[in-house]
Structures are given as C-alpha cells and as structure tokens.
Amino acid sequence: MAFGPPALGYDRAITVFSPDGKLYQVEYASENVRKGWTTIALKARKGGVIAAEKRKIAPLIDAKSVEKVYVIDTHIGASFAGLAADGRVLIDYARQVAMSYRFIYDEEIDVELLTRYVCDIKQLYTQHAGVRPFGVSLIFLGVDRKGVR
C-alpha cells in the first residue's frame, strides 16, 4: 500500500483547490510569514520609523551583514517578514520601479503607487502555474505629496 503526503498532490499546483477549499501553496507562504522575524512601522505627523528584529541565525554569520530595513528611494523605506530570498527579490523590484519612475517622470514615486506595483507582482505569483507565491509580507513607509504613508 502506498502512502502519499497529507495534501494528496493538491500542494503541487498553485491553481488547484483541495477538497476543503484551500490553496496549499498560499498557506505555505503564509506560514513562512508567520515564522518570520517581527517587523513594525510607526507613523508620525512628520515622519516614521521602521523597526525589525534581528536574530542570531548561526554562529558563523556576522549579525552586521544581515539587513532587515532597506532604503527603496530617498523618501521610502521598507522591511519584510518571511523568506529572506523572496523579500530581497521584492525589495530589488521596488527599487527598480522607483528608479524607473524617477527616470521617466523626473519626480519621486508615490508610496501608494509603489506599493501597488509590488502587490501586483505578489498577486500575479499566486495565480499562475510554474511559480509559487512569495512567502513574505512587506511594510513600506515613506513621505510623499500626500504626507507620511
């Protein structure tokens, strides 16, 4: 008698629901976020602060080499919780979007618009076969024409 995993193959494809209505790949991504390091952002009238927990991962890793708060543009910062590789991919994408926007329009990108671009990519990866959802949640904080966001 052969025994399969509890998901019975429903966790292999992102677009296939299990009999109980779950998308296992999305649940796995959410679990990675839940296990991630604590990250918070505080918004004030004239600015904000992003704080992120740094844990000692292994004795051979220098804690100074592990970044948790990133500069996206001169007016936007970000941090994430979840898989570090996924976080770095989305941080790099956000930097490219901000840089392209500044080059094309000769002005800073709004925080909300940048967030929408990144969220569109995250959503795209939950709908197409051959890719997996990003196992990361991001926090963006910045100051634009509308104030602190």
C-alpha atoms as a PDB file:
ATOM      1  CA  MET A   1       0.000   0.000   0.000  1.00  0.00           C
ATOM      2  CA  ALA A   2       1.447   3.400  -0.974  1.00  0.00           C
ATOM      3  CA  PHE A   3       1.063   6.368   1.312  1.00  0.00           C
ATOM      4  CA  GLY A   4       1.049   9.892  -0.050  1.00  0.00           C
ATOM      5  CA  PRO A   5       1.508  13.221   1.675  1.00  0.00           C
ATOM      6  CA  PRO A   6      -1.483  14.600   3.575  1.00  0.00           C
ATOM      7  CA  ALA A   7      -2.187  17.080   0.778  1.00  0.00           C
ATOM      8  CA  LEU A   8      -2.519  14.235  -1.771  1.00  0.00           C
ATOM      9  CA  GLY A   9      -0.948  16.284  -4.547  1.00  0.00           C
ATOM     10  CA  TYR A  10      -3.083  19.380  -4.051  1.00  0.00           C
ATOM     11  CA  ASP A  11       0.010  21.267  -2.917  1.00  0.00           C
ATOM     12  CA  ARG A  12       1.834  20.810  -6.224  1.00  0.00           C
ATOM     13  CA  ALA A  13      -0.215  23.213  -8.337  1.00  0.00           C
ATOM     14  CA  ILE A  14      -0.976  26.753  -7.252  1.00  0.00           C
ATOM     15  CA  THR A  15      -4.274  26.936  -9.129  1.00  0.00           C
ATOM     16  CA  VAL A  16      -5.820  23.701  -7.816  1.00  0.00           C
ATOM     17  CA  PHE A  17      -8.034  23.871  -4.748  1.00  0.00           C
ATOM     18  CA  SER A  18      -8.056  20.991  -2.271  1.00  0.00           C
ATOM     19  CA  PRO A  19     -11.404  19.313  -1.479  1.00  0.00           C
ATOM     20  CA  ASP A  20     -11.742  21.534   1.599  1.00  0.00           C
ATOM     21  CA  GLY A  21     -11.242  24.709  -0.487  1.00  0.00           C
ATOM     22  CA  LYS A  22      -7.632  25.513   0.360  1.00  0.00           C
ATOM     23  CA  LEU A  23      -4.712  26.561  -1.803  1.00  0.00           C
ATOM     24  CA  TYR A  24      -1.854  24.823  -0.018  1.00  0.00           C
ATOM     25  CA  GLN A  25       0.894  26.848  -1.690  1.00  0.00           C
ATOM     26  CA  VAL A  26      -0.713  30.067  -0.428  1.00  0.00           C
ATOM     27  CA  GLU A  27      -0.976  28.564   3.053  1.00  0.00           C
ATOM     28  CA  TYR A  28       2.708  27.559   2.967  1.00  0.00           C
ATOM     29  CA  ALA A  29       3.631  31.141   2.032  1.00  0.00           C
ATOM     30  CA  SER A  30       1.512  32.498   4.897  1.00  0.00           C
ATOM     31  CA  GLU A  31       3.208  30.109   7.301  1.00  0.00           C
ATOM     32  CA  ASN A  32       6.622  31.457   6.254  1.00  0.00           C
ATOM     33  CA  VAL A  33       5.447  34.977   7.048  1.00  0.00           C
ATOM     34  CA  ARG A  34       4.147  33.854  10.435  1.00  0.00           C
ATOM     35  CA  LYS A  35       7.522  32.288  11.262  1.00  0.00           C
ATOM     36  CA  GLY A  36       9.411  35.392  10.090  1.00  0.00           C
ATOM     37  CA  TRP A  37      11.113  37.979  12.244  1.00  0.00           C
ATOM     38  CA  THR A  38       8.970  40.670  13.831  1.00  0.00           C
ATOM     39  CA  THR A  39       8.818  43.890  11.812  1.00  0.00           C
ATOM     40  CA  ILE A  40       6.854  47.033  12.683  1.00  0.00           C
ATOM     41  CA  ALA A  41       6.428  50.535  11.287  1.00  0.00           C
ATOM     42  CA  LEU A  42       5.340  53.575  13.258  1.00  0.00           C
ATOM     43  CA  LYS A  43       3.867  56.588  11.501  1.00  0.00           C
ATOM     44  CA  ALA A  44       4.030  60.107  12.977  1.00  0.00           C
ATOM     45  CA  ARG A  45       2.966  63.510  11.661  1.00  0.00           C
ATOM     46  CA  LYS A  46       6.311  64.390  10.101  1.00  0.00           C
ATOM     47  CA  GLY A  47       7.906  61.017   9.507  1.00  0.00           C
ATOM     48  CA  GLY A  48       8.060  57.434  10.612  1.00  0.00           C
ATOM     49  CA  VAL A  49      10.226  54.618  11.909  1.00  0.00           C
ATOM     50  CA  ILE A  50      10.658  51.034  10.755  1.00  0.00           C
ATOM     51  CA  ALA A  51      11.958  48.556  13.323  1.00  0.00           C
ATOM     52  CA  ALA A  52      12.874  44.939  12.660  1.00  0.00           C
ATOM     53  CA  GLU A  53      14.030  42.112  14.884  1.00  0.00           C
ATOM     54  CA  LYS A  54      17.451  40.600  14.186  1.00  0.00           C
ATOM     55  CA  ARG A  55      18.123  37.109  15.469  1.00  0.00           C
ATOM     56  CA  LYS A  56      21.391  35.238  15.551  1.00  0.00           C
ATOM     57  CA  ILE A  57      20.888  32.620  12.839  1.00  0.00           C
ATOM     58  CA  ALA A  58      24.152  30.710  13.068  1.00  0.00           C
ATOM     59  CA  PRO A  59      27.449  31.248  14.894  1.00  0.00           C
ATOM     60  CA  LEU A  60      29.371  31.826  11.656  1.00  0.00           C
ATOM     61  CA  ILE A  61      27.068  34.565  10.342  1.00  0.00           C
ATOM     62  CA  ASP A  62      28.063  38.124  11.210  1.00  0.00           C
ATOM     63  CA  ALA A  63      24.954  39.903  12.538  1.00  0.00           C
ATOM     64  CA  LYS A  64      26.104  43.162  10.893  1.00  0.00           C
ATOM     65  CA  SER A  65      25.810  41.538   7.465  1.00  0.00           C
ATOM     66  CA  VAL A  66      22.090  40.781   7.870  1.00  0.00           C
ATOM     67  CA  GLU A  67      19.925  43.697   6.721  1.00  0.00           C
ATOM     68  CA  LYS A  68      16.291  43.988   7.740  1.00  0.00           C
ATOM     69  CA  VAL A  69      15.459  47.623   6.887  1.00  0.00           C
ATOM     70  CA  TYR A  70      16.028  48.788   3.317  1.00  0.00           C
ATOM     71  CA  VAL A  71      16.090  52.129   1.522  1.00  0.00           C
ATOM     72  CA  ILE A  72      13.950  51.936  -1.613  1.00  0.00           C
ATOM     73  CA  ASP A  73      14.292  55.578  -2.671  1.00  0.00           C
ATOM     74  CA  THR A  74      15.280  58.802  -0.935  1.00  0.00           C
ATOM     75  CA  HIS A  75      11.790  59.068   0.585  1.00  0.00           C
ATOM     76  CA  ILE A  76      10.743  55.402   1.029  1.00  0.00           C
ATOM     77  CA  GLY A  77      11.981  52.658   3.329  1.00  0.00           C
ATOM     78  CA  ALA A  78      10.825  49.059   3.647  1.00  0.00           C
ATOM     79  CA  SER A  79      11.185  45.896   5.666  1.00  0.00           C
ATOM     80  CA  PHE A  80       9.744  42.401   5.458  1.00  0.00           C
ATOM     81  CA  ALA A  81       8.891  39.272   7.398  1.00  0.00           C
ATOM     82  CA  GLY A  82       9.182  35.833   5.838  1.00  0.00           C
ATOM     83  CA  LEU A  83      11.616  34.202   3.439  1.00  0.00           C
ATOM     84  CA  ALA A  84      14.710  36.385   3.072  1.00  0.00           C
ATOM     85  CA  ALA A  85      15.270  35.452  -0.582  1.00  0.00           C
ATOM     86  CA  ASP A  86      11.698  36.391  -1.521  1.00  0.00           C
ATOM     87  CA  GLY A  87      11.999  39.632   0.433  1.00  0.00           C
ATOM     88  CA  ARG A  88      15.192  40.622  -1.349  1.00  0.00           C
ATOM     89  CA  VAL A  89      13.626  39.902  -4.751  1.00  0.00           C
ATOM     90  CA  LEU A  90      10.668  42.187  -3.995  1.00  0.00           C
ATOM     91  CA  ILE A  91      12.902  44.880  -2.446  1.00  0.00           C
ATOM     92  CA  ASP A  92      15.038  44.886  -5.610  1.00  0.00           C
ATOM     93  CA  TYR A  93      11.890  45.057  -7.744  1.00  0.00           C
ATOM     94  CA  ALA A  94      10.604  48.019  -5.698  1.00  0.00           C
ATOM     95  CA  ARG A  95      13.938  49.793  -6.163  1.00  0.00           C
ATOM     96  CA  GLN A  96      13.797  49.227  -9.929  1.00  0.00           C
ATOM     97  CA  VAL A  97      10.232  50.562 -10.115  1.00  0.00           C
ATOM     98  CA  ALA A  98      11.150  53.664  -8.088  1.00  0.00           C
ATOM     99  CA  MET A  99      14.243  54.277 -10.208  1.00  0.00           C
ATOM    100  CA  SER A 100      12.350  53.842 -13.499  1.00  0.00           C
ATOM    101  CA  TYR A 101       9.577  56.165 -12.329  1.00  0.00           C
ATOM    102  CA  ARG A 102      12.117  58.843 -11.360  1.00  0.00           C
ATOM    103  CA  PHE A 103      13.892  58.473 -14.721  1.00  0.00           C
ATOM    104  CA  ILE A 104      10.689  58.654 -16.810  1.00  0.00           C
ATOM    105  CA  TYR A 105       8.723  61.311 -14.885  1.00  0.00           C
ATOM    106  CA  ASP A 106      11.596  63.200 -13.195  1.00  0.00           C
ATOM    107  CA  GLU A 107       9.864  63.016  -9.807  1.00  0.00           C
ATOM    108  CA  GLU A 108       9.598  60.693  -6.833  1.00  0.00           C
ATOM    109  CA  ILE A 109       7.082  57.859  -6.953  1.00  0.00           C
ATOM    110  CA  ASP A 110       4.172  57.981  -4.501  1.00  0.00           C
ATOM    111  CA  VAL A 111       4.364  55.397  -1.727  1.00  0.00           C
ATOM    112  CA  GLU A 112       0.905  54.041  -2.585  1.00  0.00           C
ATOM    113  CA  LEU A 113       1.753  53.624  -6.277  1.00  0.00           C
ATOM    114  CA  LEU A 114       4.981  51.765  -5.469  1.00  0.00           C
ATOM    115  CA  THR A 115       3.077  49.526  -3.072  1.00  0.00           C
ATOM    116  CA  ARG A 116       0.525  48.739  -5.786  1.00  0.00           C
ATOM    117  CA  TYR A 117       3.249  47.739  -8.244  1.00  0.00           C
ATOM    118  CA  VAL A 118       4.793  45.345  -5.721  1.00  0.00           C
ATOM    119  CA  CYS A 119       1.388  43.956  -4.713  1.00  0.00           C
ATOM    120  CA  ASP A 120       0.520  43.326  -8.365  1.00  0.00           C
ATOM    121  CA  ILE A 121       3.617  41.123  -8.695  1.00  0.00           C
ATOM    122  CA  LYS A 122       2.786  39.290  -5.473  1.00  0.00           C
ATOM    123  CA  GLN A 123      -0.768  38.666  -6.704  1.00  0.00           C
ATOM    124  CA  LEU A 124       0.458  37.506 -10.112  1.00  0.00           C
ATOM    125  CA  TYR A 125       2.582  34.824  -8.448  1.00  0.00           C
ATOM    126  CA  THR A 126      -0.481  33.387  -6.688  1.00  0.00           C
ATOM    127  CA  GLN A 127      -2.416  32.928  -9.933  1.00  0.00           C
ATOM    128  CA  HIS A 128      -0.030  31.360 -12.431  1.00  0.00           C
ATOM    129  CA  ALA A 129       1.294  27.835 -12.716  1.00  0.00           C
ATOM    130  CA  GLY A 130       5.027  27.278 -12.699  1.00  0.00           C
ATOM    131  CA  VAL A 131       5.699  29.814  -9.938  1.00  0.00           C
ATOM    132  CA  ARG A 132       4.981  29.827  -6.231  1.00  0.00           C
ATOM    133  CA  PRO A 133       3.554  32.607  -4.069  1.00  0.00           C
ATOM    134  CA  PHE A 134       6.061  34.854  -2.337  1.00  0.00           C
ATOM    135  CA  GLY A 135       6.485  33.761   1.275  1.00  0.00           C
ATOM    136  CA  VAL A 136       6.920  37.307   2.533  1.00  0.00           C
ATOM    137  CA  SER A 137       4.958  40.316   3.769  1.00  0.00           C
ATOM    138  CA  LEU A 138       6.373  43.786   3.219  1.00  0.00           C
ATOM    139  CA  ILE A 139       5.980  47.094   5.022  1.00  0.00           C
ATOM    140  CA  PHE A 140       6.619  50.315   3.107  1.00  0.00           C
ATOM    141  CA  LEU A 141       6.955  53.659   4.882  1.00  0.00           C
ATOM    142  CA  GLY A 142       7.626  56.960   3.216  1.00  0.00           C
ATOM    143  CA  VAL A 143       6.827  60.623   2.833  1.00  0.00           C
ATOM    144  CA  ASP A 144       5.292  61.864  -0.413  1.00  0.00           C
ATOM    145  CA  ARG A 145       2.966  64.672  -1.576  1.00  0.00           C
ATOM    146  CA  LYS A 146       0.115  63.253   0.489  1.00  0.00           C
ATOM    147  CA  GLY A 147       2.187  63.117   3.684  1.00  0.00           C
ATOM    148  CA  VAL A 148       3.516  60.191   5.681  1.00  0.00           C
ATOM    149  CA  ARG A 149       2.253  56.892   4.312  1.00  0.00           C
END
